[in-house]
Protein backbone atom coordinates (compact mmCIF):
# COMPACT_ATOMS: atom_id res chain seq x y z
CA UNK A 1 32.07 25.38 -19.34
CA UNK A 2 30.55 22.37 -20.15
CA UNK A 3 29.97 21.93 -16.45
CA UNK A 4 28.32 25.49 -16.17
CA UNK A 5 25.81 24.48 -19.47
CA UNK A 6 24.98 21.46 -17.57
CA UNK A 7 24.21 23.16 -14.21
CA UNK A 8 22.43 25.94 -15.62
CA UNK A 9 19.95 23.25 -17.73
CA UNK A 10 19.55 21.26 -14.40
CA UNK A 11 18.62 24.41 -12.90
CA UNK A 12 15.88 25.50 -15.11
CA UNK A 13 14.55 22.14 -15.43
CA UNK A 14 14.53 21.93 -11.65
CA UNK A 15 12.72 24.96 -11.16
CA UNK A 16 10.17 24.11 -14.08
CA UNK A 17 9.41 20.54 -12.09
CA UNK A 18 9.22 22.03 -8.79
CA UNK A 19 6.78 24.38 -9.93
CA UNK A 20 4.70 22.04 -11.33
CA UNK A 21 4.75 19.74 -7.98
CA UNK A 22 3.89 22.53 -5.74
CA UNK A 23 1.18 24.64 -7.64
CA UNK A 24 -0.09 22.05 -10.00
CA UNK A 25 -0.32 19.32 -7.48
CA UNK A 26 -0.80 21.08 -4.31
CA UNK A 27 -3.23 18.21 -2.82
CA UNK A 28 -2.73 16.90 1.10
CA UNK A 29 -0.13 19.62 2.04
CA UNK A 30 2.01 19.23 -0.82
CA UNK A 31 2.10 15.28 -0.39
CA UNK A 32 3.61 14.78 -3.80
CA UNK A 33 6.65 17.26 -3.29
CA UNK A 34 6.95 16.00 0.26
CA UNK A 35 7.25 12.66 -0.60
CA UNK A 36 10.16 13.48 -3.29
CA UNK A 37 11.53 14.82 -0.22
CA UNK A 38 11.48 11.75 1.82
CA UNK A 39 13.28 10.06 -1.08
CA UNK A 40 15.99 12.61 -1.39
CA UNK A 41 16.53 12.46 2.24
CA UNK A 42 16.71 8.68 1.96
CA UNK A 43 19.32 8.85 -0.99
CA UNK A 44 21.12 11.66 0.68
CA UNK A 45 21.82 9.15 3.59
CA UNK A 46 22.96 6.48 1.66
CA UNK A 47 25.40 8.92 -0.22
CA UNK A 48 26.69 10.28 3.10
CA UNK A 49 27.05 6.57 4.15
CA UNK A 50 29.49 6.06 1.35
CA UNK A 51 31.52 9.02 2.36
CA UNK A 52 31.83 7.53 6.09
CA UNK A 53 32.83 4.16 4.23
CA UNK A 54 35.60 5.88 2.59
CA UNK A 55 36.85 6.74 5.93
CA UNK A 56 36.44 2.76 6.98
CA UNK A 57 33.51 3.10 8.76
CA UNK A 58 31.73 -0.05 8.51
CA UNK A 59 27.79 0.10 9.08
CA UNK A 60 27.21 -3.82 8.23
CA UNK A 61 23.52 -3.94 6.61
CA UNK A 62 24.49 -0.16 5.66
CA UNK A 63 23.09 -0.45 2.04
CA UNK A 64 19.37 -0.98 3.34
CA UNK A 65 19.40 0.33 6.55
CA UNK A 66 20.83 3.83 6.14
CA UNK A 67 18.41 4.84 3.45
CA UNK A 68 15.65 3.79 5.95
CA UNK A 69 17.27 5.87 8.44
CA UNK A 70 17.50 8.59 6.36
CA UNK A 71 14.18 8.93 5.17
CA UNK A 72 12.57 8.48 8.69
CA UNK A 73 12.22 11.51 9.93
CA UNK A 74 10.91 13.50 6.93
CA UNK A 75 8.25 10.61 6.53
CA UNK A 76 7.24 11.07 10.51
CA UNK A 77 6.95 14.45 9.66
CA UNK A 78 4.94 14.43 6.89
CA UNK A 79 2.36 12.06 8.72
CA UNK A 80 2.25 14.18 11.24
CA UNK A 81 1.44 16.99 9.01
CA UNK A 82 -1.46 15.12 7.70
CA UNK A 83 -2.85 14.22 11.32
CA UNK A 84 -1.81 10.52 10.97
CA UNK A 85 0.87 10.61 13.88
CA UNK A 86 0.79 12.95 17.22
CA UNK A 87 3.36 15.70 17.09
CA UNK A 88 5.42 13.85 19.67
CA UNK A 89 6.22 11.31 17.12
CA UNK A 90 9.25 12.99 15.74
CA UNK A 91 10.97 13.48 18.83
CA UNK A 92 10.06 10.10 20.01
CA UNK A 93 11.55 8.56 16.51
CA UNK A 94 14.67 10.59 17.39
CA UNK A 95 15.06 8.97 20.96
CA UNK A 96 14.01 5.46 19.45
CA UNK A 97 16.92 5.47 17.01
CA UNK A 98 19.41 6.88 18.92
CA UNK A 99 19.04 4.85 21.85
CA UNK A 100 18.66 1.91 19.71
CA UNK A 101 21.89 2.47 17.91
CA UNK A 102 23.58 3.02 20.96
CA UNK A 103 21.98 -0.01 22.56
CA UNK A 104 23.10 -2.37 19.96
CA UNK A 105 26.81 -1.61 20.35
CA UNK A 106 26.57 -3.87 23.40
CA UNK A 107 25.77 -6.88 21.46
CA UNK A 108 29.39 -7.45 19.74
CA UNK A 109 30.66 -10.78 18.91
CA UNK A 110 34.29 -10.47 20.25
CA UNK A 111 36.22 -7.91 22.98
CA UNK A 112 38.28 -6.73 19.56
CA UNK A 113 35.16 -5.86 17.66
CA UNK A 114 34.77 -2.95 20.25
CA UNK A 115 37.59 -1.02 18.44
CA UNK A 116 35.09 0.44 16.01
CA UNK A 117 31.89 1.20 18.29
CA UNK A 118 32.66 5.10 18.74
CA UNK A 119 33.05 5.57 14.97
CA UNK A 120 30.34 3.43 13.85
CA UNK A 121 27.87 5.16 16.26
CA UNK A 122 28.60 8.42 15.65
CA UNK A 123 28.70 7.77 11.86
CA UNK A 124 25.23 5.73 12.12
CA UNK A 125 23.22 8.66 14.29
CA UNK A 126 25.11 11.48 11.89
CA UNK A 127 23.38 9.72 8.59
CA UNK A 128 20.38 9.59 10.58
CA UNK A 129 20.01 13.24 11.82
CA UNK A 130 21.47 14.55 8.49
CA UNK A 131 20.20 14.93 5.96
CA UNK A 132 17.02 13.52 7.67
CA UNK A 133 16.06 16.23 10.45
CA UNK A 134 16.94 19.01 8.29
CA UNK A 135 14.75 17.75 5.42
CA UNK A 136 11.80 17.42 8.04
CA UNK A 137 11.89 21.24 8.64
CA UNK A 138 11.30 21.30 4.80
CA UNK A 139 8.32 19.02 5.00
CA UNK A 140 7.10 21.22 7.96
CA UNK A 141 6.99 24.39 5.48
CA UNK A 142 3.73 22.97 4.32
CA UNK A 143 2.03 23.59 7.62
CA UNK A 144 1.85 27.56 6.77
CA UNK A 145 -1.05 28.97 4.65
CA UNK A 146 -0.67 29.10 1.03
CA UNK A 147 2.27 26.77 1.30
CA UNK A 148 3.03 25.78 -2.78
CA UNK A 149 3.99 29.40 -3.36
CA UNK A 150 6.02 30.03 -0.24
CA UNK A 151 7.84 26.90 -0.60
CA UNK A 152 8.75 27.53 -4.28
CA UNK A 153 9.93 30.64 -3.25
CA UNK A 154 12.14 29.28 -0.72
CA UNK A 155 13.24 27.19 -3.30
CA UNK A 156 14.17 29.49 -5.79
CA UNK A 157 15.65 31.68 -3.05
CA UNK A 158 18.08 28.74 -2.25
CA UNK A 159 18.88 27.90 -5.68
CA UNK A 160 19.48 31.76 -7.03
CA UNK A 161 21.74 32.42 -4.29
CA UNK A 162 23.73 29.09 -5.04
CA UNK A 163 23.77 29.46 -8.76
CA UNK A 164 24.44 33.10 -8.64
CA UNK A 165 27.56 32.45 -6.26
CA UNK A 166 28.73 29.76 -8.58
CA UNK A 167 28.34 31.95 -11.78
CA UNK A 168 30.11 35.25 -10.07
CA UNK A 169 33.01 33.13 -8.67
CA UNK A 170 33.45 31.04 -12.01
CA UNK A 171 33.53 34.15 -14.06
CA UNK A 172 35.86 36.13 -11.55
CA UNK A 173 38.39 33.11 -11.57
CA UNK A 174 38.36 33.15 -15.48
CA UNK A 175 38.54 36.89 -15.85
CA UNK A 176 41.37 37.32 -13.49
CA UNK A 177 43.29 34.16 -14.98
CA UNK A 178 42.79 35.94 -18.30
CA UNK A 179 44.14 39.26 -17.24
CA UNK A 180 47.24 37.61 -15.53
CA UNK A 181 48.27 35.36 -18.59
CA UNK A 182 47.02 32.24 -16.73
CA UNK A 183 49.46 32.74 -13.73
CA UNK A 184 46.94 34.06 -11.09
CA UNK A 185 46.16 31.75 -8.23
CA UNK A 186 43.17 32.64 -5.97
CA UNK A 187 43.26 33.44 -2.57
CA UNK A 188 42.13 30.54 -0.27
CA UNK A 189 39.51 31.92 2.13
CA UNK A 190 38.14 28.92 3.30
CA UNK A 191 40.13 25.61 3.16
CA UNK A 192 36.89 23.41 2.95
CA UNK A 193 36.34 24.89 -0.22
CA UNK A 194 39.42 26.49 -1.84
CA UNK A 195 37.88 27.55 -5.31
CA UNK A 196 35.27 29.67 -3.41
CA UNK A 197 35.94 33.78 -3.87
CA UNK A 198 34.78 36.87 -2.22
CA UNK A 199 32.59 37.93 -5.12
CA UNK A 200 31.11 34.61 -5.38
CA UNK A 201 30.38 34.99 -1.58
CA UNK A 202 28.91 38.43 -2.16
CA UNK A 203 26.88 37.41 -5.36
CA UNK A 204 25.40 34.61 -3.45
CA UNK A 205 24.22 36.73 -0.31
CA UNK A 206 22.95 39.33 -2.46
CA UNK A 207 20.92 37.09 -4.72
CA UNK A 208 18.42 36.08 -2.02
CA UNK A 209 17.16 39.26 -0.54
CA UNK A 210 16.87 40.36 -4.29
CA UNK A 211 14.77 37.05 -5.13
CA UNK A 212 12.25 37.69 -2.38
CA UNK A 213 11.71 41.22 -2.91
CA UNK A 214 11.29 40.59 -6.72
CA UNK A 215 8.71 37.89 -5.77
CA UNK A 216 7.22 40.12 -3.23
CA UNK A 217 7.08 43.06 -6.30
CA UNK A 218 5.32 40.60 -8.70
CA UNK A 219 3.26 38.15 -6.45
CA UNK A 220 2.44 40.19 -3.37
CA UNK A 221 0.51 37.51 -1.66
CA UNK A 222 3.39 34.86 -2.00
CA UNK A 223 5.33 36.19 1.19
CA UNK A 224 3.50 37.33 4.26
CA UNK A 225 6.26 39.90 5.35
CA UNK A 226 7.01 43.30 4.70
CA UNK A 227 10.44 44.44 2.56
CA UNK A 228 12.25 44.71 5.88
CA UNK A 229 11.53 41.08 6.29
CA UNK A 230 12.54 40.35 3.02
CA UNK A 231 16.07 41.89 3.75
CA UNK A 232 16.41 39.67 6.77
CA UNK A 233 15.09 36.34 5.46
CA UNK A 234 17.31 36.93 2.18
CA UNK A 235 20.42 37.35 4.35
CA UNK A 236 19.48 34.73 6.74
CA UNK A 237 18.88 32.27 3.92
CA UNK A 238 21.74 33.39 2.13
CA UNK A 239 24.20 32.90 4.96
CA UNK A 240 22.40 29.41 5.34
CA UNK A 241 23.13 28.40 2.04
CA UNK A 242 26.52 29.12 1.72
CA UNK A 243 27.19 27.46 5.42
CA UNK A 244 25.23 24.34 3.94
CA UNK A 245 27.47 24.12 0.48
CA UNK A 246 30.64 24.53 2.69
CA UNK A 247 29.75 21.88 5.29
CA UNK A 248 29.12 19.66 2.56
CA UNK A 249 32.57 20.62 1.19
CA UNK A 250 34.06 19.54 4.46
CA UNK A 251 32.48 16.31 4.55
CA UNK A 252 33.51 15.43 1.11
CA UNK A 253 37.09 16.80 1.66
CA UNK A 254 37.48 14.47 4.65
CA UNK A 255 36.40 11.45 2.47
CA UNK A 256 38.76 13.01 -0.04
CA UNK A 257 35.78 12.83 -2.76
CA UNK A 258 35.20 15.41 -5.10
CA UNK A 259 31.21 14.95 -5.39
CA UNK A 260 28.83 12.88 -3.05
CA UNK A 261 27.38 10.90 -6.10
CA UNK A 262 26.99 11.30 -9.85
CA UNK A 263 22.93 11.30 -10.07
CA UNK A 264 22.68 14.64 -11.05
CA UNK A 265 24.57 15.62 -14.34
CA UNK A 266 27.04 19.08 -13.57
CA UNK A 267 26.28 18.84 -9.99
CA UNK A 268 27.34 15.36 -8.82
CA UNK A 269 25.09 13.43 -6.21
CA UNK A 270 21.77 14.19 -4.15
CA UNK A 271 23.95 16.17 -1.38
CA UNK A 272 25.74 17.89 -3.64
CA UNK A 273 22.60 19.50 -5.05
CA UNK A 274 20.53 19.60 -1.87
CA UNK A 275 23.23 20.62 0.75
CA UNK A 276 21.87 24.28 0.66
CA UNK A 277 18.59 23.64 1.00
CA UNK A 278 19.13 21.37 4.29
CA UNK A 279 20.92 24.07 5.98
CA UNK A 280 18.27 26.73 4.88
CA UNK A 281 15.05 25.04 5.45
CA UNK A 282 14.89 25.07 9.57
CA UNK A 283 16.42 28.73 9.11
CA UNK A 284 13.47 29.65 6.72
CA UNK A 285 10.84 27.63 9.15
CA UNK A 286 11.80 29.65 12.51
CA UNK A 287 12.17 32.87 10.82
CA UNK A 288 8.53 32.54 9.04
CA UNK A 289 7.12 31.08 12.14
CA UNK A 290 8.39 33.66 14.94
CA UNK A 291 9.44 36.75 13.00
CA UNK A 292 6.72 37.01 10.14
């Protein structure tokens, strides 16, 4: 119950802060919001690096380098968005970092040191691309017309999906446990997250399109599509939100860690809260750009 209360408080406080950042400070393509996204990406990369370190992956100067790598792509995208870099800079940055990571593996101190080349290279590139590449799509949402309300709608859709799935799943498990006298054990649907229930999945998937439809009803200009688009968007964002959460669970399970960190009360680390946003942002961007 305490965890549920903390999550609920963090949810409403977070939405209020995001509303202020997006609607009250909309300058320079949501510069403040996207600067926060860059910091979140850097902190998320550090958390992911720590998960790798729990699997005996050694990054060397990771405490400094990994956050820089994690924030690099969204920072480049932010500079592109404001006309300070050409569009090709994002792909060039990916090429430069990946090629440099591979090249540095040549310069090992001894023959025995090459034993961890594969794992070190794979881990470094993964930390660079996730969350950085995904966050860069979140930054790109600011390139659309009327970006403040649109980005806020996207975040509300993801967070309502995530929160509704958590609430419905928790209530369902609690009710079934009480009805069975505490002897009921839920069926494991997905081993990456054994506590997830079909009720939670359905509630989350239903919450996303409902959020967009309600927003269209209350604020007709916030979403440029038709009700049919809202249903498609909602279903896609709902599925991507769930996928992002499950992917993060799989990574943490590999590292035998319950949370990616402890910076956010009731939720854990940055990645514990941002995982759904990360995976849903590219989906939302491409649907908005090529469907609507």
